[in-house]
PDB file of all heavy atoms in Angstrom:
ATOM      1  N   SER A   1       7.734 -10.167 -12.320  1.00  0.00           N
ATOM      2  CA  SER A   1       7.103  -9.598 -13.496  1.00  0.00           C
ATOM      3  C   SER A   1       5.777  -8.944 -13.153  1.00  0.00           C
ATOM      4  O   SER A   1       5.463  -7.896 -13.668  1.00  0.00           O
ATOM      5  CB  SER A   1       6.938 -10.632 -14.613  1.00  0.00           C
ATOM      6  OG  SER A   1       6.541 -11.863 -14.110  1.00  0.00           O
ATOM      7  N   THR A   2       4.989  -9.515 -12.242  1.00  0.00           N
ATOM      8  CA  THR A   2       3.735  -8.888 -11.850  1.00  0.00           C
ATOM      9  C   THR A   2       4.003  -7.610 -11.074  1.00  0.00           C
ATOM     10  O   THR A   2       3.445  -6.572 -11.367  1.00  0.00           O
ATOM     11  CB  THR A   2       2.906  -9.857 -10.968  1.00  0.00           C
ATOM     12  OG1 THR A   2       2.777 -11.079 -11.667  1.00  0.00           O
ATOM     13  CG2 THR A   2       1.538  -9.278 -10.667  1.00  0.00           C
ATOM     14  N   THR A   3       4.899  -7.682 -10.102  1.00  0.00           N
ATOM     15  CA  THR A   3       5.197  -6.526  -9.270  1.00  0.00           C
ATOM     16  C   THR A   3       5.823  -5.402 -10.086  1.00  0.00           C
ATOM     17  O   THR A   3       5.442  -4.260  -9.947  1.00  0.00           O
ATOM     18  CB  THR A   3       6.165  -6.927  -8.129  1.00  0.00           C
ATOM     19  OG1 THR A   3       5.609  -8.039  -7.447  1.00  0.00           O
ATOM     20  CG2 THR A   3       6.368  -5.784  -7.165  1.00  0.00           C
ATOM     21  N   VAL A   4       6.762  -5.734 -10.964  1.00  0.00           N
ATOM     22  CA  VAL A   4       7.466  -4.710 -11.728  1.00  0.00           C
ATOM     23  C   VAL A   4       6.547  -4.041 -12.734  1.00  0.00           C
ATOM     24  O   VAL A   4       6.544  -2.842 -12.849  1.00  0.00           O
ATOM     25  CB  VAL A   4       8.699  -5.326 -12.443  1.00  0.00           C
ATOM     26  CG1 VAL A   4       9.288  -4.335 -13.415  1.00  0.00           C
ATOM     27  CG2 VAL A   4       9.715  -5.744 -11.431  1.00  0.00           C
ATOM     28  N   SER A   5       5.708  -4.804 -13.445  1.00  0.00           N
ATOM     29  CA  SER A   5       4.912  -4.189 -14.495  1.00  0.00           C
ATOM     30  C   SER A   5       3.864  -3.232 -13.945  1.00  0.00           C
ATOM     31  O   SER A   5       3.651  -2.192 -14.497  1.00  0.00           O
ATOM     32  CB  SER A   5       4.258  -5.249 -15.386  1.00  0.00           C
ATOM     33  OG  SER A   5       3.395  -6.049 -14.617  1.00  0.00           O
ATOM     34  N   THR A   6       3.220  -3.558 -12.840  1.00  0.00           N
ATOM     35  CA  THR A   6       2.198  -2.677 -12.307  1.00  0.00           C
ATOM     36  C   THR A   6       2.771  -1.354 -11.805  1.00  0.00           C
ATOM     37  O   THR A   6       2.359  -0.315 -12.265  1.00  0.00           O
ATOM     38  CB  THR A   6       1.401  -3.383 -11.178  1.00  0.00           C
ATOM     39  OG1 THR A   6       0.912  -4.601 -11.723  1.00  0.00           O
ATOM     40  CG2 THR A   6       0.250  -2.525 -10.691  1.00  0.00           C
ATOM     41  N   PRO A   7       3.772  -1.337 -10.886  1.00  0.00           N
ATOM     42  CA  PRO A   7       4.260  -0.040 -10.423  1.00  0.00           C
ATOM     43  C   PRO A   7       4.928   0.798 -11.493  1.00  0.00           C
ATOM     44  O   PRO A   7       4.772   1.988 -11.494  1.00  0.00           O
ATOM     45  CB  PRO A   7       5.278  -0.377  -9.333  1.00  0.00           C
ATOM     46  CG  PRO A   7       5.004  -1.767  -8.957  1.00  0.00           C
ATOM     47  CD  PRO A   7       4.346  -2.406 -10.134  1.00  0.00           C
ATOM     48  N   SER A   8       5.657   0.174 -12.434  1.00  0.00           N
ATOM     49  CA  SER A   8       6.378   0.991 -13.395  1.00  0.00           C
ATOM     50  C   SER A   8       5.417   1.766 -14.285  1.00  0.00           C
ATOM     51  O   SER A   8       5.653   2.918 -14.568  1.00  0.00           O
ATOM     52  CB  SER A   8       7.348   0.152 -14.225  1.00  0.00           C
ATOM     53  OG  SER A   8       6.648  -0.787 -14.989  1.00  0.00           O
ATOM     54  N   SER A   9       4.295   1.154 -14.701  1.00  0.00           N
ATOM     55  CA  SER A   9       3.375   1.909 -15.537  1.00  0.00           C
ATOM     56  C   SER A   9       2.657   2.978 -14.720  1.00  0.00           C
ATOM     57  O   SER A   9       2.452   4.070 -15.177  1.00  0.00           O
ATOM     58  CB  SER A   9       2.368   0.975 -16.225  1.00  0.00           C
ATOM     59  OG  SER A   9       1.629   0.273 -15.252  1.00  0.00           O
ATOM     60  N   THR A  10       2.295   2.664 -13.478  1.00  0.00           N
ATOM     61  CA  THR A  10       1.633   3.648 -12.633  1.00  0.00           C
ATOM     62  C   THR A  10       2.597   4.763 -12.247  1.00  0.00           C
ATOM     63  O   THR A  10       2.280   5.926 -12.360  1.00  0.00           O
ATOM     64  CB  THR A  10       1.104   2.979 -11.334  1.00  0.00           C
ATOM     65  OG1 THR A  10       0.319   1.856 -11.716  1.00  0.00           O
ATOM     66  CG2 THR A  10       0.283   3.940 -10.514  1.00  0.00           C
ATOM     67  N   THR A  11       3.805   4.374 -11.810  1.00  0.00           N
ATOM     68  CA  THR A  11       4.779   5.354 -11.359  1.00  0.00           C
ATOM     69  C   THR A  11       5.160   6.315 -12.476  1.00  0.00           C
ATOM     70  O   THR A  11       5.204   7.506 -12.274  1.00  0.00           O
ATOM     71  CB  THR A  11       6.049   4.657 -10.836  1.00  0.00           C
ATOM     72  OG1 THR A  11       5.650   3.718  -9.849  1.00  0.00           O
ATOM     73  CG2 THR A  11       6.999   5.654 -10.233  1.00  0.00           C
ATOM     74  N   SER A  12       5.393   5.798 -13.673  1.00  0.00           N
ATOM     75  CA  SER A  12       5.848   6.666 -14.741  1.00  0.00           C
ATOM     76  C   SER A  12       4.765   7.650 -15.179  1.00  0.00           C
ATOM     77  O   SER A  12       5.068   8.747 -15.563  1.00  0.00           O
ATOM     78  CB  SER A  12       6.345   5.852 -15.937  1.00  0.00           C
ATOM     79  OG  SER A  12       5.293   5.063 -16.438  1.00  0.00           O
ATOM     80  N   SER A  13       3.479   7.272 -15.090  1.00  0.00           N
ATOM     81  CA  SER A  13       2.457   8.191 -15.549  1.00  0.00           C
ATOM     82  C   SER A  13       1.938   9.103 -14.439  1.00  0.00           C
ATOM     83  O   SER A  13       1.447  10.161 -14.708  1.00  0.00           O
ATOM     84  CB  SER A  13       1.299   7.415 -16.188  1.00  0.00           C
ATOM     85  OG  SER A  13       0.763   6.520 -15.257  1.00  0.00           O
ATOM     86  N   VAL A  14       2.032   8.689 -13.166  1.00  0.00           N
ATOM     87  CA  VAL A  14       1.516   9.519 -12.079  1.00  0.00           C
ATOM     88  C   VAL A  14       2.602   9.742 -11.046  1.00  0.00           C
ATOM     89  O   VAL A  14       2.612   9.118 -10.017  1.00  0.00           O
ATOM     90  CB  VAL A  14       0.299   8.839 -11.406  1.00  0.00           C
ATOM     91  CG1 VAL A  14      -0.309   9.761 -10.373  1.00  0.00           C
ATOM     92  CG2 VAL A  14      -0.740   8.434 -12.412  1.00  0.00           C
ATOM     93  N   SER A  15       3.554  10.620 -11.331  1.00  0.00           N
ATOM     94  CA  SER A  15       4.554  10.909 -10.320  1.00  0.00           C
ATOM     95  C   SER A  15       5.009  12.363 -10.280  1.00  0.00           C
ATOM     96  O   SER A  15       6.118  12.625  -9.916  1.00  0.00           O
ATOM     97  CB  SER A  15       5.751   9.984 -10.483  1.00  0.00           C
ATOM     98  OG  SER A  15       6.353  10.205 -11.723  1.00  0.00           O
ATOM     99  N   PRO A  16       4.167  13.317 -10.675  1.00  0.00           N
ATOM    100  CA  PRO A  16       4.610  14.701 -10.480  1.00  0.00           C
ATOM    101  C   PRO A  16       4.631  15.042  -8.993  1.00  0.00           C
ATOM    102  O   PRO A  16       3.825  14.526  -8.237  1.00  0.00           O
ATOM    103  CB  PRO A  16       3.554  15.544 -11.189  1.00  0.00           C
ATOM    104  CG  PRO A  16       2.587  14.625 -11.798  1.00  0.00           C
ATOM    105  CD  PRO A  16       2.914  13.242 -11.376  1.00  0.00           C
ATOM    106  N   PRO A  17       5.559  15.903  -8.570  1.00  0.00           N
ATOM    107  CA  PRO A  17       5.674  16.218  -7.148  1.00  0.00           C
ATOM    108  C   PRO A  17       4.399  16.798  -6.552  1.00  0.00           C
ATOM    109  O   PRO A  17       4.070  16.530  -5.434  1.00  0.00           O
ATOM    110  CB  PRO A  17       6.794  17.254  -7.084  1.00  0.00           C
ATOM    111  CG  PRO A  17       7.513  17.142  -8.377  1.00  0.00           C
ATOM    112  CD  PRO A  17       6.575  16.534  -9.355  1.00  0.00           C
ATOM    113  N   ILE A  18       3.634  17.577  -7.308  1.00  0.00           N
ATOM    114  CA  ILE A  18       2.432  18.197  -6.764  1.00  0.00           C
ATOM    115  C   ILE A  18       1.413  17.130  -6.373  1.00  0.00           C
ATOM    116  O   ILE A  18       0.904  17.126  -5.275  1.00  0.00           O
ATOM    117  CB  ILE A  18       1.815  19.189  -7.777  1.00  0.00           C
ATOM    118  CG1 ILE A  18       2.799  20.331  -8.041  1.00  0.00           C
ATOM    119  CG2 ILE A  18       0.482  19.727  -7.284  1.00  0.00           C
ATOM    120  CD1 ILE A  18       2.435  21.199  -9.212  1.00  0.00           C
ATOM    121  N   SER A  19       1.137  16.172  -7.270  1.00  0.00           N
ATOM    122  CA  SER A  19       0.132  15.176  -6.948  1.00  0.00           C
ATOM    123  C   SER A  19       0.597  14.248  -5.835  1.00  0.00           C
ATOM    124  O   SER A  19      -0.206  13.761  -5.069  1.00  0.00           O
ATOM    125  CB  SER A  19      -0.264  14.384  -8.191  1.00  0.00           C
ATOM    126  OG  SER A  19       0.838  13.661  -8.669  1.00  0.00           O
ATOM    127  N   THR A  20       1.884  13.984  -5.728  1.00  0.00           N
ATOM    128  CA  THR A  20       2.389  13.120  -4.667  1.00  0.00           C
ATOM    129  C   THR A  20       2.238  13.800  -3.313  1.00  0.00           C
ATOM    130  O   THR A  20       1.809  13.183  -2.353  1.00  0.00           O
ATOM    131  CB  THR A  20       3.884  12.794  -4.908  1.00  0.00           C
ATOM    132  OG1 THR A  20       4.012  12.249  -6.208  1.00  0.00           O
ATOM    133  CG2 THR A  20       4.394  11.808  -3.890  1.00  0.00           C
ATOM    134  N   THR A  21       2.521  15.087  -3.220  1.00  0.00           N
ATOM    135  CA  THR A  21       2.483  15.795  -1.947  1.00  0.00           C
ATOM    136  C   THR A  21       1.043  16.073  -1.503  1.00  0.00           C
ATOM    137  O   THR A  21       0.674  15.788  -0.389  1.00  0.00           O
ATOM    138  CB  THR A  21       3.226  17.145  -2.061  1.00  0.00           C
ATOM    139  OG1 THR A  21       4.506  16.887  -2.615  1.00  0.00           O
ATOM    140  CG2 THR A  21       3.373  17.803  -0.711  1.00  0.00           C
ATOM    141  N   THR A  22       0.198  16.577  -2.379  1.00  0.00           N
ATOM    142  CA  THR A  22      -1.135  17.004  -2.004  1.00  0.00           C
ATOM    143  C   THR A  22      -2.052  15.851  -1.576  1.00  0.00           C
ATOM    144  O   THR A  22      -2.589  15.890  -0.497  1.00  0.00           O
ATOM    145  CB  THR A  22      -1.797  17.804  -3.156  1.00  0.00           C
ATOM    146  OG1 THR A  22      -0.877  18.807  -3.553  1.00  0.00           O
ATOM    147  CG2 THR A  22      -3.102  18.415  -2.713  1.00  0.00           C
ATOM    148  N   PRO A  23      -2.225  14.773  -2.366  1.00  0.00           N
ATOM    149  CA  PRO A  23      -3.229  13.788  -1.970  1.00  0.00           C
ATOM    150  C   PRO A  23      -2.816  12.841  -0.857  1.00  0.00           C
ATOM    151  O   PRO A  23      -3.638  12.121  -0.368  1.00  0.00           O
ATOM    152  CB  PRO A  23      -3.507  13.007  -3.238  1.00  0.00           C
ATOM    153  CG  PRO A  23      -2.354  13.231  -4.109  1.00  0.00           C
ATOM    154  CD  PRO A  23      -1.713  14.520  -3.664  1.00  0.00           C
ATOM    155  N   THR A  24      -1.559  12.820  -0.458  1.00  0.00           N
ATOM    156  CA  THR A  24      -1.147  11.856   0.549  1.00  0.00           C
ATOM    157  C   THR A  24      -1.988  11.939   1.820  1.00  0.00           C
ATOM    158  O   THR A  24      -2.549  10.950   2.238  1.00  0.00           O
ATOM    159  CB  THR A  24       0.359  11.994   0.847  1.00  0.00           C
ATOM    160  OG1 THR A  24       1.071  11.839  -0.372  1.00  0.00           O
ATOM    161  CG2 THR A  24       0.819  10.956   1.842  1.00  0.00           C
ATOM    162  N   PRO A  25      -2.187  13.134   2.457  1.00  0.00           N
ATOM    163  CA  PRO A  25      -3.029  13.169   3.658  1.00  0.00           C
ATOM    164  C   PRO A  25      -4.480  12.832   3.346  1.00  0.00           C
ATOM    165  O   PRO A  25      -5.108  12.094   4.066  1.00  0.00           O
ATOM    166  CB  PRO A  25      -2.919  14.614   4.152  1.00  0.00           C
ATOM    167  CG  PRO A  25      -1.763  15.202   3.438  1.00  0.00           C
ATOM    168  CD  PRO A  25      -1.557  14.410   2.199  1.00  0.00           C
ATOM    169  N   THR A  26      -5.009  13.347   2.242  1.00  0.00           N
ATOM    170  CA  THR A  26      -6.399  13.090   1.885  1.00  0.00           C
ATOM    171  C   THR A  26      -6.635  11.609   1.662  1.00  0.00           C
ATOM    172  O   THR A  26      -7.564  11.027   2.177  1.00  0.00           O
ATOM    173  CB  THR A  26      -6.774  13.868   0.596  1.00  0.00           C
ATOM    174  OG1 THR A  26      -6.346  15.209   0.752  1.00  0.00           O
ATOM    175  CG2 THR A  26      -8.245  13.805   0.327  1.00  0.00           C
ATOM    176  N   THR A  27      -5.720  10.963   0.882  1.00  0.00           N
ATOM    177  CA  THR A  27      -5.858   9.547   0.598  1.00  0.00           C
ATOM    178  C   THR A  27      -5.802   8.742   1.889  1.00  0.00           C
ATOM    179  O   THR A  27      -6.597   7.843   2.094  1.00  0.00           O
ATOM    180  CB  THR A  27      -4.734   9.080  -0.358  1.00  0.00           C
ATOM    181  OG1 THR A  27      -4.753   9.916  -1.501  1.00  0.00           O
ATOM    182  CG2 THR A  27      -4.941   7.644  -0.773  1.00  0.00           C
ATOM    183  N   GLY A  28      -4.918   9.087   2.798  1.00  0.00           N
ATOM    184  CA  GLY A  28      -4.801   8.351   4.055  1.00  0.00           C
ATOM    185  C   GLY A  28      -6.075   8.452   4.871  1.00  0.00           C
ATOM    186  O   GLY A  28      -6.580   7.469   5.379  1.00  0.00           O
ATOM    187  N   GLU A  29      -6.668   9.648   5.000  1.00  0.00           N
ATOM    188  CA  GLU A  29      -7.893   9.811   5.769  1.00  0.00           C
ATOM    189  C   GLU A  29      -9.048   9.094   5.098  1.00  0.00           C
ATOM    190  O   GLU A  29      -9.798   8.373   5.745  1.00  0.00           O
ATOM    191  CB  GLU A  29      -8.238  11.299   5.917  1.00  0.00           C
ATOM    192  CG  GLU A  29      -7.253  12.055   6.799  1.00  0.00           C
ATOM    193  CD  GLU A  29      -7.477  13.548   6.761  1.00  0.00           C
ATOM    194  OE1 GLU A  29      -8.362  14.012   6.006  1.00  0.00           O
ATOM    195  OE2 GLU A  29      -6.757  14.249   7.464  1.00  0.00           O
ATOM    196  N   THR A  30      -9.156   9.246   3.788  1.00  0.00           N
ATOM    197  CA  THR A  30     -10.252   8.616   3.076  1.00  0.00           C
ATOM    198  C   THR A  30     -10.168   7.104   3.181  1.00  0.00           C
ATOM    199  O   THR A  30     -11.153   6.452   3.483  1.00  0.00           O
ATOM    200  CB  THR A  30     -10.237   9.035   1.586  1.00  0.00           C
ATOM    201  OG1 THR A  30     -10.194  10.451   1.537  1.00  0.00           O
ATOM    202  CG2 THR A  30     -11.436   8.510   0.856  1.00  0.00           C
ATOM    203  N   THR A  31      -8.987   6.556   2.990  1.00  0.00           N
ATOM    204  CA  THR A  31      -8.825   5.115   3.014  1.00  0.00           C
ATOM    205  C   THR A  31      -9.156   4.550   4.392  1.00  0.00           C
ATOM    206  O   THR A  31      -9.829   3.550   4.502  1.00  0.00           O
ATOM    207  CB  THR A  31      -7.374   4.728   2.645  1.00  0.00           C
ATOM    208  OG1 THR A  31      -7.065   5.322   1.408  1.00  0.00           O
ATOM    209  CG2 THR A  31      -7.225   3.233   2.541  1.00  0.00           C
ATOM    210  N   ARG A  32      -8.742   5.206   5.453  1.00  0.00           N
ATOM    211  CA  ARG A  32      -8.941   4.658   6.796  1.00  0.00           C
ATOM    212  C   ARG A  32     -10.348   4.889   7.316  1.00  0.00           C
ATOM    213  O   ARG A  32     -10.899   4.073   8.004  1.00  0.00           O
ATOM    214  CB  ARG A  32      -7.937   5.286   7.764  1.00  0.00           C
ATOM    215  CG  ARG A  32      -6.543   4.806   7.512  1.00  0.00           C
ATOM    216  CD  ARG A  32      -5.588   5.370   8.510  1.00  0.00           C
ATOM    217  NE  ARG A  32      -4.236   4.959   8.151  1.00  0.00           N
ATOM    218  CZ  ARG A  32      -3.158   5.465   8.660  1.00  0.00           C
ATOM    219  NH1 ARG A  32      -3.222   6.406   9.570  1.00  0.00           N
ATOM    220  NH2 ARG A  32      -1.973   5.039   8.279  1.00  0.00           N
ATOM    221  N   GLU A  33     -10.944   6.054   7.027  1.00  0.00           N
ATOM    222  CA  GLU A  33     -12.199   6.372   7.684  1.00  0.00           C
ATOM    223  C   GLU A  33     -13.442   6.075   6.864  1.00  0.00           C
ATOM    224  O   GLU A  33     -14.461   5.780   7.441  1.00  0.00           O
ATOM    225  CB  GLU A  33     -12.183   7.849   8.101  1.00  0.00           C
ATOM    226  CG  GLU A  33     -11.079   8.091   9.111  1.00  0.00           C
ATOM    227  CD  GLU A  33     -11.202   9.417   9.792  1.00  0.00           C
ATOM    228  OE1 GLU A  33     -12.314   9.852  10.066  1.00  0.00           O
ATOM    229  OE2 GLU A  33     -10.148  10.016  10.043  1.00  0.00           O
ATOM    230  N   THR A  34     -13.372   6.113   5.542  1.00  0.00           N
ATOM    231  CA  THR A  34     -14.572   5.891   4.766  1.00  0.00           C
ATOM    232  C   THR A  34     -15.096   4.459   4.891  1.00  0.00           C
ATOM    233  O   THR A  34     -16.235   4.280   5.234  1.00  0.00           O
ATOM    234  CB  THR A  34     -14.351   6.269   3.283  1.00  0.00           C
ATOM    235  OG1 THR A  34     -13.915   7.613   3.239  1.00  0.00           O
ATOM    236  CG2 THR A  34     -15.608   6.100   2.469  1.00  0.00           C
ATOM    237  N   PRO A  35     -14.268   3.423   4.653  1.00  0.00           N
ATOM    238  CA  PRO A  35     -14.850   2.081   4.666  1.00  0.00           C
ATOM    239  C   PRO A  35     -15.275   1.602   6.053  1.00  0.00           C
ATOM    240  O   PRO A  35     -16.312   1.021   6.208  1.00  0.00           O
ATOM    241  CB  PRO A  35     -13.760   1.193   4.115  1.00  0.00           C
ATOM    242  CG  PRO A  35     -12.601   2.049   3.796  1.00  0.00           C
ATOM    243  CD  PRO A  35     -12.906   3.425   4.256  1.00  0.00           C
ATOM    244  N   SER A  36     -14.500   1.834   7.114  1.00  0.00           N
ATOM    245  CA  SER A  36     -14.828   1.206   8.385  1.00  0.00           C
ATOM    246  C   SER A  36     -15.263   2.194   9.457  1.00  0.00           C
ATOM    247  O   SER A  36     -16.145   1.905  10.237  1.00  0.00           O
ATOM    248  CB  SER A  36     -13.628   0.388   8.877  1.00  0.00           C
ATOM    249  OG  SER A  36     -12.500   1.230   8.972  1.00  0.00           O
TER     250      SER A  36
END
């Protein structure tokens, strides 16, 4: 119930192909390099 409720609300509201394709490299670089 915890796992299902969180992704389904996020997935259904944020899943257009443009946003999925564009931020993937940016998010990966930001996540890995900004904090450490």
